[in-house]
mmCIF file of all heavy atoms, coordinates in Angstrom:
data_MODEL
# 
_entry.id   MODEL 
# 
loop_
_atom_site.group_PDB 
_atom_site.id 
_atom_site.type_symbol 
_atom_site.label_atom_id 
_atom_site.label_alt_id 
_atom_site.label_comp_id 
_atom_site.label_asym_id 
_atom_site.label_entity_id 
_atom_site.label_seq_id 
_atom_site.pdbx_PDB_ins_code 
_atom_site.Cartn_x 
_atom_site.Cartn_y 
_atom_site.Cartn_z 
_atom_site.occupancy 
_atom_site.B_iso_or_equiv 
_atom_site.pdbx_formal_charge 
_atom_site.auth_seq_id 
_atom_site.auth_comp_id 
_atom_site.auth_asym_id 
_atom_site.auth_atom_id 
_atom_site.pdbx_PDB_model_num 
ATOM 1   N N   . SER A 1 1  ? -70.065 -8.682  -67.548 1.00 0.00 ? 1  SER A N   1 
ATOM 2   C CA  . SER A 1 1  ? -70.557 -9.788  -68.378 1.00 0.00 ? 1  SER A CA  1 
ATOM 3   C C   . SER A 1 1  ? -72.033 -10.055 -68.112 1.00 0.00 ? 1  SER A C   1 
ATOM 4   O O   . SER A 1 1  ? -72.815 -10.332 -69.028 1.00 0.00 ? 1  SER A O   1 
ATOM 5   C CB  . SER A 1 1  ? -69.723 -11.040 -68.124 1.00 0.00 ? 1  SER A CB  1 
ATOM 6   O OG  . SER A 1 1  ? -69.803 -11.433 -66.759 1.00 0.00 ? 1  SER A OG  1 
ATOM 7   N N   . ARG A 1 2  ? -72.440 -9.978  -66.870 1.00 0.00 ? 2  ARG A N   1 
ATOM 8   C CA  . ARG A 1 2  ? -73.846 -10.201 -66.545 1.00 0.00 ? 2  ARG A CA  1 
ATOM 9   C C   . ARG A 1 2  ? -74.720 -9.065  -67.053 1.00 0.00 ? 2  ARG A C   1 
ATOM 10  O O   . ARG A 1 2  ? -75.852 -9.285  -67.508 1.00 0.00 ? 2  ARG A O   1 
ATOM 11  C CB  . ARG A 1 2  ? -74.003 -10.359 -65.036 1.00 0.00 ? 2  ARG A CB  1 
ATOM 12  C CG  . ARG A 1 2  ? -73.385 -11.654 -64.503 1.00 0.00 ? 2  ARG A CG  1 
ATOM 13  C CD  . ARG A 1 2  ? -73.249 -11.619 -62.995 1.00 0.00 ? 2  ARG A CD  1 
ATOM 14  N NE  . ARG A 1 2  ? -74.518 -11.275 -62.371 1.00 0.00 ? 2  ARG A NE  1 
ATOM 15  C CZ  . ARG A 1 2  ? -74.622 -10.761 -61.140 1.00 0.00 ? 2  ARG A CZ  1 
ATOM 16  N NH1 . ARG A 1 2  ? -73.525 -10.538 -60.431 1.00 0.00 ? 2  ARG A NH1 1 
ATOM 17  N NH2 . ARG A 1 2  ? -75.809 -10.491 -60.638 1.00 0.00 ? 2  ARG A NH2 1 
ATOM 18  N N   . ALA A 1 3  ? -74.210 -7.818  -66.993 1.00 0.00 ? 3  ALA A N   1 
ATOM 19  C CA  . ALA A 1 3  ? -74.977 -6.692  -67.532 1.00 0.00 ? 3  ALA A CA  1 
ATOM 20  C C   . ALA A 1 3  ? -75.096 -6.807  -69.046 1.00 0.00 ? 3  ALA A C   1 
ATOM 21  O O   . ALA A 1 3  ? -76.132 -6.449  -69.636 1.00 0.00 ? 3  ALA A O   1 
ATOM 22  C CB  . ALA A 1 3  ? -74.309 -5.377  -67.141 1.00 0.00 ? 3  ALA A CB  1 
ATOM 23  N N   . ASP A 1 4  ? -74.032 -7.295  -69.687 1.00 0.00 ? 4  ASP A N   1 
ATOM 24  C CA  . ASP A 1 4  ? -74.098 -7.487  -71.138 1.00 0.00 ? 4  ASP A CA  1 
ATOM 25  C C   . ASP A 1 4  ? -75.150 -8.536  -71.503 1.00 0.00 ? 4  ASP A C   1 
ATOM 26  O O   . ASP A 1 4  ? -75.909 -8.375  -72.473 1.00 0.00 ? 4  ASP A O   1 
ATOM 27  C CB  . ASP A 1 4  ? -72.719 -7.906  -71.653 1.00 0.00 ? 4  ASP A CB  1 
ATOM 28  C CG  . ASP A 1 4  ? -72.689 -8.037  -73.163 1.00 0.00 ? 4  ASP A CG  1 
ATOM 29  O OD1 . ASP A 1 4  ? -72.812 -7.004  -73.848 1.00 0.00 ? 4  ASP A OD1 1 
ATOM 30  O OD2 . ASP A 1 4  ? -72.560 -9.183  -73.642 1.00 0.00 ? 4  ASP A OD2 1 
ATOM 31  N N   . ALA A 1 5  ? -75.236 -9.595  -70.696 1.00 0.00 ? 5  ALA A N   1 
ATOM 32  C CA  . ALA A 1 5  ? -76.262 -10.613 -70.942 1.00 0.00 ? 5  ALA A CA  1 
ATOM 33  C C   . ALA A 1 5  ? -77.659 -10.027 -70.746 1.00 0.00 ? 5  ALA A C   1 
ATOM 34  O O   . ALA A 1 5  ? -78.599 -10.322 -71.513 1.00 0.00 ? 5  ALA A O   1 
ATOM 35  C CB  . ALA A 1 5  ? -76.039 -11.797 -70.012 1.00 0.00 ? 5  ALA A CB  1 
ATOM 36  N N   . ALA A 1 6  ? -77.808 -9.177  -69.705 1.00 0.00 ? 6  ALA A N   1 
ATOM 37  C CA  . ALA A 1 6  ? -79.107 -8.534  -69.476 1.00 0.00 ? 6  ALA A CA  1 
ATOM 38  C C   . ALA A 1 6  ? -79.458 -7.602  -70.627 1.00 0.00 ? 6  ALA A C   1 
ATOM 39  O O   . ALA A 1 6  ? -80.635 -7.470  -71.016 1.00 0.00 ? 6  ALA A O   1 
ATOM 40  C CB  . ALA A 1 6  ? -79.074 -7.770  -68.155 1.00 0.00 ? 6  ALA A CB  1 
ATOM 41  N N   . LEU A 1 7  ? -78.444 -6.946  -71.210 1.00 0.00 ? 7  LEU A N   1 
ATOM 42  C CA  . LEU A 1 7  ? -78.689 -6.063  -72.353 1.00 0.00 ? 7  LEU A CA  1 
ATOM 43  C C   . LEU A 1 7  ? -79.186 -6.867  -73.552 1.00 0.00 ? 7  LEU A C   1 
ATOM 44  O O   . LEU A 1 7  ? -80.124 -6.437  -74.260 1.00 0.00 ? 7  LEU A O   1 
ATOM 45  C CB  . LEU A 1 7  ? -77.397 -5.304  -72.694 1.00 0.00 ? 7  LEU A CB  1 
ATOM 46  C CG  . LEU A 1 7  ? -77.444 -4.432  -73.953 1.00 0.00 ? 7  LEU A CG  1 
ATOM 47  C CD1 . LEU A 1 7  ? -78.492 -3.331  -73.834 1.00 0.00 ? 7  LEU A CD1 1 
ATOM 48  C CD2 . LEU A 1 7  ? -76.063 -3.818  -74.233 1.00 0.00 ? 7  LEU A CD2 1 
ATOM 49  N N   . ARG A 1 8  ? -78.562 -8.014  -73.788 1.00 0.00 ? 8  ARG A N   1 
ATOM 50  C CA  . ARG A 1 8  ? -79.006 -8.842  -74.915 1.00 0.00 ? 8  ARG A CA  1 
ATOM 51  C C   . ARG A 1 8  ? -80.452 -9.313  -74.697 1.00 0.00 ? 8  ARG A C   1 
ATOM 52  O O   . ARG A 1 8  ? -81.255 -9.365  -75.639 1.00 0.00 ? 8  ARG A O   1 
ATOM 53  C CB  . ARG A 1 8  ? -78.099 -10.063 -75.070 1.00 0.00 ? 8  ARG A CB  1 
ATOM 54  C CG  . ARG A 1 8  ? -76.637 -9.730  -75.267 1.00 0.00 ? 8  ARG A CG  1 
ATOM 55  C CD  . ARG A 1 8  ? -76.414 -8.715  -76.366 1.00 0.00 ? 8  ARG A CD  1 
ATOM 56  N NE  . ARG A 1 8  ? -75.076 -8.132  -76.318 1.00 0.00 ? 8  ARG A NE  1 
ATOM 57  C CZ  . ARG A 1 8  ? -74.769 -6.967  -76.829 1.00 0.00 ? 8  ARG A CZ  1 
ATOM 58  N NH1 . ARG A 1 8  ? -75.719 -6.250  -77.413 1.00 0.00 ? 8  ARG A NH1 1 
ATOM 59  N NH2 . ARG A 1 8  ? -73.544 -6.509  -76.748 1.00 0.00 ? 8  ARG A NH2 1 
ATOM 60  N N   . THR A 1 9  ? -80.785 -9.627  -73.460 1.00 0.00 ? 9  THR A N   1 
ATOM 61  C CA  . THR A 1 9  ? -82.162 -10.016 -73.161 1.00 0.00 ? 9  THR A CA  1 
ATOM 62  C C   . THR A 1 9  ? -83.123 -8.872  -73.448 1.00 0.00 ? 9  THR A C   1 
ATOM 63  O O   . THR A 1 9  ? -84.205 -9.068  -74.036 1.00 0.00 ? 9  THR A O   1 
ATOM 64  C CB  . THR A 1 9  ? -82.282 -10.441 -71.687 1.00 0.00 ? 9  THR A CB  1 
ATOM 65  O OG1 . THR A 1 9  ? -81.387 -11.531 -71.435 1.00 0.00 ? 9  THR A OG1 1 
ATOM 66  C CG2 . THR A 1 9  ? -83.700 -10.871 -71.356 1.00 0.00 ? 9  THR A CG2 1 
ATOM 67  N N   . ALA A 1 10 ? -82.730 -7.643  -73.032 1.00 0.00 ? 10 ALA A N   1 
ATOM 68  C CA  . ALA A 1 10 ? -83.591 -6.484  -73.271 1.00 0.00 ? 10 ALA A CA  1 
ATOM 69  C C   . ALA A 1 10 ? -83.789 -6.235  -74.759 1.00 0.00 ? 10 ALA A C   1 
ATOM 70  O O   . ALA A 1 10 ? -84.874 -5.832  -75.205 1.00 0.00 ? 10 ALA A O   1 
ATOM 71  C CB  . ALA A 1 10 ? -82.988 -5.252  -72.597 1.00 0.00 ? 10 ALA A CB  1 
ATOM 72  N N   . GLN A 1 11 ? -82.749 -6.463  -75.559 1.00 0.00 ? 11 GLN A N   1 
ATOM 73  C CA  . GLN A 1 11 ? -82.855 -6.220  -76.995 1.00 0.00 ? 11 GLN A CA  1 
ATOM 74  C C   . GLN A 1 11 ? -83.792 -7.216  -77.684 1.00 0.00 ? 11 GLN A C   1 
ATOM 75  O O   . GLN A 1 11 ? -84.298 -6.933  -78.781 1.00 0.00 ? 11 GLN A O   1 
ATOM 76  C CB  . GLN A 1 11 ? -81.457 -6.273  -77.624 1.00 0.00 ? 11 GLN A CB  1 
ATOM 77  C CG  . GLN A 1 11 ? -80.573 -5.099  -77.235 1.00 0.00 ? 11 GLN A CG  1 
ATOM 78  C CD  . GLN A 1 11 ? -79.146 -5.262  -77.722 1.00 0.00 ? 11 GLN A CD  1 
ATOM 79  O OE1 . GLN A 1 11 ? -78.682 -6.395  -77.955 1.00 0.00 ? 11 GLN A OE1 1 
ATOM 80  N NE2 . GLN A 1 11 ? -78.447 -4.142  -77.892 1.00 0.00 ? 11 GLN A NE2 1 
ATOM 81  N N   . HIS A 1 12 ? -84.017 -8.365  -77.055 1.00 0.00 ? 12 HIS A N   1 
ATOM 82  C CA  . HIS A 1 12 ? -84.887 -9.373  -77.665 1.00 0.00 ? 12 HIS A CA  1 
ATOM 83  C C   . HIS A 1 12 ? -86.273 -9.418  -77.019 1.00 0.00 ? 12 HIS A C   1 
ATOM 84  O O   . HIS A 1 12 ? -87.085 -10.265 -77.365 1.00 0.00 ? 12 HIS A O   1 
ATOM 85  C CB  . HIS A 1 12 ? -84.229 -10.761 -77.570 1.00 0.00 ? 12 HIS A CB  1 
ATOM 86  C CG  . HIS A 1 12 ? -83.003 -10.891 -78.425 1.00 0.00 ? 12 HIS A CG  1 
ATOM 87  N ND1 . HIS A 1 12 ? -81.755 -10.541 -77.983 1.00 0.00 ? 12 HIS A ND1 1 
ATOM 88  C CD2 . HIS A 1 12 ? -82.844 -11.324 -79.708 1.00 0.00 ? 12 HIS A CD2 1 
ATOM 89  C CE1 . HIS A 1 12 ? -80.860 -10.757 -78.931 1.00 0.00 ? 12 HIS A CE1 1 
ATOM 90  N NE2 . HIS A 1 12 ? -81.503 -11.235 -80.006 1.00 0.00 ? 12 HIS A NE2 1 
ATOM 91  N N   . GLN A 1 13 ? -86.494 -8.512  -76.035 1.00 0.00 ? 13 GLN A N   1 
ATOM 92  C CA  . GLN A 1 13 ? -87.811 -8.471  -75.414 1.00 0.00 ? 13 GLN A CA  1 
ATOM 93  C C   . GLN A 1 13 ? -88.772 -7.668  -76.279 1.00 0.00 ? 13 GLN A C   1 
ATOM 94  O O   . GLN A 1 13 ? -88.385 -6.663  -76.889 1.00 0.00 ? 13 GLN A O   1 
ATOM 95  C CB  . GLN A 1 13 ? -87.738 -7.834  -74.010 1.00 0.00 ? 13 GLN A CB  1 
ATOM 96  C CG  . GLN A 1 13 ? -87.050 -8.703  -72.986 1.00 0.00 ? 13 GLN A CG  1 
ATOM 97  C CD  . GLN A 1 13 ? -86.999 -8.038  -71.614 1.00 0.00 ? 13 GLN A CD  1 
ATOM 98  O OE1 . GLN A 1 13 ? -86.840 -8.688  -70.618 1.00 0.00 ? 13 GLN A OE1 1 
ATOM 99  N NE2 . GLN A 1 13 ? -87.138 -6.736  -71.586 1.00 0.00 ? 13 GLN A NE2 1 
ATOM 100 N N   . ALA A 1 14 ? -89.976 -8.064  -76.283 1.00 0.00 ? 14 ALA A N   1 
ATOM 101 C CA  . ALA A 1 14 ? -90.984 -7.345  -77.067 1.00 0.00 ? 14 ALA A CA  1 
ATOM 102 C C   . ALA A 1 14 ? -91.754 -6.351  -76.218 1.00 0.00 ? 14 ALA A C   1 
ATOM 103 O O   . ALA A 1 14 ? -92.269 -5.352  -76.728 1.00 0.00 ? 14 ALA A O   1 
ATOM 104 C CB  . ALA A 1 14 ? -91.963 -8.346  -77.702 1.00 0.00 ? 14 ALA A CB  1 
ATOM 105 N N   . ASP A 1 15 ? -91.847 -6.609  -74.906 1.00 0.00 ? 15 ASP A N   1 
ATOM 106 C CA  . ASP A 1 15 ? -92.704 -5.773  -74.065 1.00 0.00 ? 15 ASP A CA  1 
ATOM 107 C C   . ASP A 1 15 ? -91.946 -4.658  -73.353 1.00 0.00 ? 15 ASP A C   1 
ATOM 108 O O   . ASP A 1 15 ? -92.553 -3.704  -72.879 1.00 0.00 ? 15 ASP A O   1 
ATOM 109 C CB  . ASP A 1 15 ? -93.402 -6.644  -73.016 1.00 0.00 ? 15 ASP A CB  1 
ATOM 110 C CG  . ASP A 1 15 ? -92.396 -7.450  -72.202 1.00 0.00 ? 15 ASP A CG  1 
ATOM 111 O OD1 . ASP A 1 15 ? -91.249 -7.616  -72.671 1.00 0.00 ? 15 ASP A OD1 1 
ATOM 112 O OD2 . ASP A 1 15 ? -92.751 -7.893  -71.091 1.00 0.00 ? 15 ASP A OD2 1 
ATOM 113 N N   . ALA A 1 16 ? -90.605 -4.730  -73.213 1.00 0.00 ? 16 ALA A N   1 
ATOM 114 C CA  . ALA A 1 16 ? -89.837 -3.695  -72.515 1.00 0.00 ? 16 ALA A CA  1 
ATOM 115 C C   . ALA A 1 16 ? -88.457 -3.590  -73.137 1.00 0.00 ? 16 ALA A C   1 
ATOM 116 O O   . ALA A 1 16 ? -87.941 -4.551  -73.699 1.00 0.00 ? 16 ALA A O   1 
ATOM 117 C CB  . ALA A 1 16 ? -89.730 -4.026  -71.025 1.00 0.00 ? 16 ALA A CB  1 
ATOM 118 N N   . ASN A 1 17 ? -87.886 -2.399  -73.039 1.00 0.00 ? 17 ASN A N   1 
ATOM 119 C CA  . ASN A 1 17 ? -86.558 -2.189  -73.615 1.00 0.00 ? 17 ASN A CA  1 
ATOM 120 C C   . ASN A 1 17 ? -85.482 -2.111  -72.539 1.00 0.00 ? 17 ASN A C   1 
ATOM 121 O O   . ASN A 1 17 ? -84.402 -1.586  -72.764 1.00 0.00 ? 17 ASN A O   1 
ATOM 122 C CB  . ASN A 1 17 ? -86.539 -0.921  -74.471 1.00 0.00 ? 17 ASN A CB  1 
ATOM 123 C CG  . ASN A 1 17 ? -87.109 0.280   -73.723 1.00 0.00 ? 17 ASN A CG  1 
ATOM 124 O OD1 . ASN A 1 17 ? -87.402 0.209   -72.522 1.00 0.00 ? 17 ASN A OD1 1 
ATOM 125 N ND2 . ASN A 1 17 ? -87.276 1.378   -74.439 1.00 0.00 ? 17 ASN A ND2 1 
ATOM 126 N N   . TRP A 1 18 ? -85.769 -2.610  -71.339 1.00 0.00 ? 18 TRP A N   1 
ATOM 127 C CA  . TRP A 1 18 ? -84.734 -2.740  -70.311 1.00 0.00 ? 18 TRP A CA  1 
ATOM 128 C C   . TRP A 1 18 ? -84.978 -4.027  -69.539 1.00 0.00 ? 18 TRP A C   1 
ATOM 129 O O   . TRP A 1 18 ? -86.095 -4.536  -69.475 1.00 0.00 ? 18 TRP A O   1 
ATOM 130 C CB  . TRP A 1 18 ? -84.711 -1.542  -69.365 1.00 0.00 ? 18 TRP A CB  1 
ATOM 131 C CG  . TRP A 1 18 ? -85.942 -1.384  -68.496 1.00 0.00 ? 18 TRP A CG  1 
ATOM 132 C CD1 . TRP A 1 18 ? -87.084 -0.742  -68.805 1.00 0.00 ? 18 TRP A CD1 1 
ATOM 133 C CD2 . TRP A 1 18 ? -86.118 -1.909  -67.167 1.00 0.00 ? 18 TRP A CD2 1 
ATOM 134 N NE1 . TRP A 1 18 ? -87.988 -0.804  -67.776 1.00 0.00 ? 18 TRP A NE1 1 
ATOM 135 C CE2 . TRP A 1 18 ? -87.409 -1.517  -66.749 1.00 0.00 ? 18 TRP A CE2 1 
ATOM 136 C CE3 . TRP A 1 18 ? -85.326 -2.672  -66.314 1.00 0.00 ? 18 TRP A CE3 1 
ATOM 137 C CZ2 . TRP A 1 18 ? -87.919 -1.859  -65.499 1.00 0.00 ? 18 TRP A CZ2 1 
ATOM 138 C CZ3 . TRP A 1 18 ? -85.829 -3.006  -65.069 1.00 0.00 ? 18 TRP A CZ3 1 
ATOM 139 C CH2 . TRP A 1 18 ? -87.119 -2.600  -64.665 1.00 0.00 ? 18 TRP A CH2 1 
ATOM 140 N N   . HIS A 1 19 ? -83.900 -4.549  -68.957 1.00 0.00 ? 19 HIS A N   1 
ATOM 141 C CA  . HIS A 1 19 ? -84.024 -5.815  -68.241 1.00 0.00 ? 19 HIS A CA  1 
ATOM 142 C C   . HIS A 1 19 ? -83.053 -5.814  -67.070 1.00 0.00 ? 19 HIS A C   1 
ATOM 143 O O   . HIS A 1 19 ? -81.887 -5.414  -67.198 1.00 0.00 ? 19 HIS A O   1 
ATOM 144 C CB  . HIS A 1 19 ? -83.701 -6.995  -69.167 1.00 0.00 ? 19 HIS A CB  1 
ATOM 145 C CG  . HIS A 1 19 ? -83.738 -8.324  -68.457 1.00 0.00 ? 19 HIS A CG  1 
ATOM 146 N ND1 . HIS A 1 19 ? -84.901 -8.927  -68.048 1.00 0.00 ? 19 HIS A ND1 1 
ATOM 147 C CD2 . HIS A 1 19 ? -82.717 -9.158  -68.064 1.00 0.00 ? 19 HIS A CD2 1 
ATOM 148 C CE1 . HIS A 1 19 ? -84.626 -10.073 -67.454 1.00 0.00 ? 19 HIS A CE1 1 
ATOM 149 N NE2 . HIS A 1 19 ? -83.307 -10.239 -67.452 1.00 0.00 ? 19 HIS A NE2 1 
ATOM 150 N N   . LEU A 1 20 ? -83.521 -6.241  -65.889 1.00 0.00 ? 20 LEU A N   1 
ATOM 151 C CA  . LEU A 1 20 ? -82.705 -6.368  -64.692 1.00 0.00 ? 20 LEU A CA  1 
ATOM 152 C C   . LEU A 1 20 ? -82.378 -7.839  -64.490 1.00 0.00 ? 20 LEU A C   1 
ATOM 153 O O   . LEU A 1 20 ? -83.272 -8.671  -64.323 1.00 0.00 ? 20 LEU A O   1 
ATOM 154 C CB  . LEU A 1 20 ? -83.450 -5.815  -63.464 1.00 0.00 ? 20 LEU A CB  1 
ATOM 155 C CG  . LEU A 1 20 ? -82.711 -5.919  -62.125 1.00 0.00 ? 20 LEU A CG  1 
ATOM 156 C CD1 . LEU A 1 20 ? -81.367 -5.193  -62.173 1.00 0.00 ? 20 LEU A CD1 1 
ATOM 157 C CD2 . LEU A 1 20 ? -83.579 -5.358  -61.001 1.00 0.00 ? 20 LEU A CD2 1 
ATOM 158 N N   . GLY A 1 21 ? -81.108 -8.174  -64.539 1.00 0.00 ? 21 GLY A N   1 
ATOM 159 C CA  . GLY A 1 21 ? -80.680 -9.557  -64.439 1.00 0.00 ? 21 GLY A CA  1 
ATOM 160 C C   . GLY A 1 21 ? -80.867 -10.137 -63.058 1.00 0.00 ? 21 GLY A C   1 
ATOM 161 O O   . GLY A 1 21 ? -81.166 -9.440  -62.076 1.00 0.00 ? 21 GLY A O   1 
ATOM 162 N N   . LEU A 1 22 ? -80.646 -11.434 -62.961 1.00 0.00 ? 22 LEU A N   1 
ATOM 163 C CA  . LEU A 1 22 ? -80.800 -12.138 -61.704 1.00 0.00 ? 22 LEU A CA  1 
ATOM 164 C C   . LEU A 1 22 ? -79.690 -11.758 -60.739 1.00 0.00 ? 22 LEU A C   1 
ATOM 165 O O   . LEU A 1 22 ? -78.574 -11.394 -61.129 1.00 0.00 ? 22 LEU A O   1 
ATOM 166 C CB  . LEU A 1 22 ? -80.793 -13.651 -61.942 1.00 0.00 ? 22 LEU A CB  1 
ATOM 167 C CG  . LEU A 1 22 ? -81.944 -14.204 -62.794 1.00 0.00 ? 22 LEU A CG  1 
ATOM 168 C CD1 . LEU A 1 22 ? -81.754 -15.698 -63.008 1.00 0.00 ? 22 LEU A CD1 1 
ATOM 169 C CD2 . LEU A 1 22 ? -83.293 -13.921 -62.136 1.00 0.00 ? 22 LEU A CD2 1 
ATOM 170 N N   . GLN A 1 23 ? -79.984 -11.877 -59.448 1.00 0.00 ? 23 GLN A N   1 
ATOM 171 C CA  . GLN A 1 23 ? -79.038 -11.547 -58.390 1.00 0.00 ? 23 GLN A CA  1 
ATOM 172 C C   . GLN A 1 23 ? -78.322 -12.809 -57.945 1.00 0.00 ? 23 GLN A C   1 
ATOM 173 O O   . GLN A 1 23 ? -78.937 -13.832 -57.688 1.00 0.00 ? 23 GLN A O   1 
ATOM 174 C CB  . GLN A 1 23 ? -79.789 -10.913 -57.214 1.00 0.00 ? 23 GLN A CB  1 
ATOM 175 C CG  . GLN A 1 23 ? -78.896 -10.529 -56.053 1.00 0.00 ? 23 GLN A CG  1 
ATOM 176 C CD  . GLN A 1 23 ? -79.685 -9.757  -55.009 1.00 0.00 ? 23 GLN A CD  1 
ATOM 177 O OE1 . GLN A 1 23 ? -80.232 -8.709  -55.297 1.00 0.00 ? 23 GLN A OE1 1 
ATOM 178 N NE2 . GLN A 1 23 ? -79.765 -10.312 -53.820 1.00 0.00 ? 23 GLN A NE2 1 
ATOM 179 N N   . HIS A 1 24 ? -76.981 -12.722 -57.856 1.00 0.00 ? 24 HIS A N   1 
ATOM 180 C CA  . HIS A 1 24 ? -76.185 -13.892 -57.487 1.00 0.00 ? 24 HIS A CA  1 
ATOM 181 C C   . HIS A 1 24 ? -75.820 -13.916 -56.014 1.00 0.00 ? 24 HIS A C   1 
ATOM 182 O O   . HIS A 1 24 ? -75.419 -14.948 -55.495 1.00 0.00 ? 24 HIS A O   1 
ATOM 183 C CB  . HIS A 1 24 ? -74.880 -13.910 -58.303 1.00 0.00 ? 24 HIS A CB  1 
ATOM 184 C CG  . HIS A 1 24 ? -75.128 -14.339 -59.729 1.00 0.00 ? 24 HIS A CG  1 
ATOM 185 N ND1 . HIS A 1 24 ? -74.100 -14.607 -60.592 1.00 0.00 ? 24 HIS A ND1 1 
ATOM 186 C CD2 . HIS A 1 24 ? -76.278 -14.535 -60.434 1.00 0.00 ? 24 HIS A CD2 1 
ATOM 187 C CE1 . HIS A 1 24 ? -74.594 -14.957 -61.786 1.00 0.00 ? 24 HIS A CE1 1 
ATOM 188 N NE2 . HIS A 1 24 ? -75.909 -14.904 -61.697 1.00 0.00 ? 24 HIS A NE2 1 
ATOM 189 N N   . SER A 1 25 ? -75.944 -12.789 -55.369 1.00 0.00 ? 25 SER A N   1 
ATOM 190 C CA  . SER A 1 25 ? -75.471 -12.709 -53.985 1.00 0.00 ? 25 SER A CA  1 
ATOM 191 C C   . SER A 1 25 ? -76.582 -13.052 -53.019 1.00 0.00 ? 25 SER A C   1 
ATOM 192 O O   . SER A 1 25 ? -77.701 -13.372 -53.405 1.00 0.00 ? 25 SER A O   1 
ATOM 193 C CB  . SER A 1 25 ? -74.933 -11.298 -53.695 1.00 0.00 ? 25 SER A CB  1 
ATOM 194 O OG  . SER A 1 25 ? -73.844 -11.020 -54.559 1.00 0.00 ? 25 SER A OG  1 
ATOM 195 N N   . ARG A 1 26 ? -76.247 -12.925 -51.734 1.00 0.00 ? 26 ARG A N   1 
ATOM 196 C CA  . ARG A 1 26 ? -77.196 -13.277 -50.682 1.00 0.00 ? 26 ARG A CA  1 
ATOM 197 C C   . ARG A 1 26 ? -78.404 -12.343 -50.709 1.00 0.00 ? 26 ARG A C   1 
ATOM 198 O O   . ARG A 1 26 ? -78.375 -11.271 -51.301 1.00 0.00 ? 26 ARG A O   1 
ATOM 199 C CB  . ARG A 1 26 ? -76.507 -13.202 -49.320 1.00 0.00 ? 26 ARG A CB  1 
ATOM 200 C CG  . ARG A 1 26 ? -76.026 -11.806 -48.956 1.00 0.00 ? 26 ARG A CG  1 
ATOM 201 C CD  . ARG A 1 26 ? -75.276 -11.818 -47.637 1.00 0.00 ? 26 ARG A CD  1 
ATOM 202 N NE  . ARG A 1 26 ? -74.858 -10.472 -47.258 1.00 0.00 ? 26 ARG A NE  1 
ATOM 203 C CZ  . ARG A 1 26 ? -73.741 -9.912  -47.632 1.00 0.00 ? 26 ARG A CZ  1 
ATOM 204 N NH1 . ARG A 1 26 ? -72.911 -10.576 -48.416 1.00 0.00 ? 26 ARG A NH1 1 
ATOM 205 N NH2 . ARG A 1 26 ? -73.432 -8.703  -47.245 1.00 0.00 ? 26 ARG A NH2 1 
# 
């Protein structure tokens, strides 16, 4: 689910076509 959210972010970015989501762990 988090990777899917990162994919949607990448699809709406203008400067890059990939996105690394935030880290939830320590």
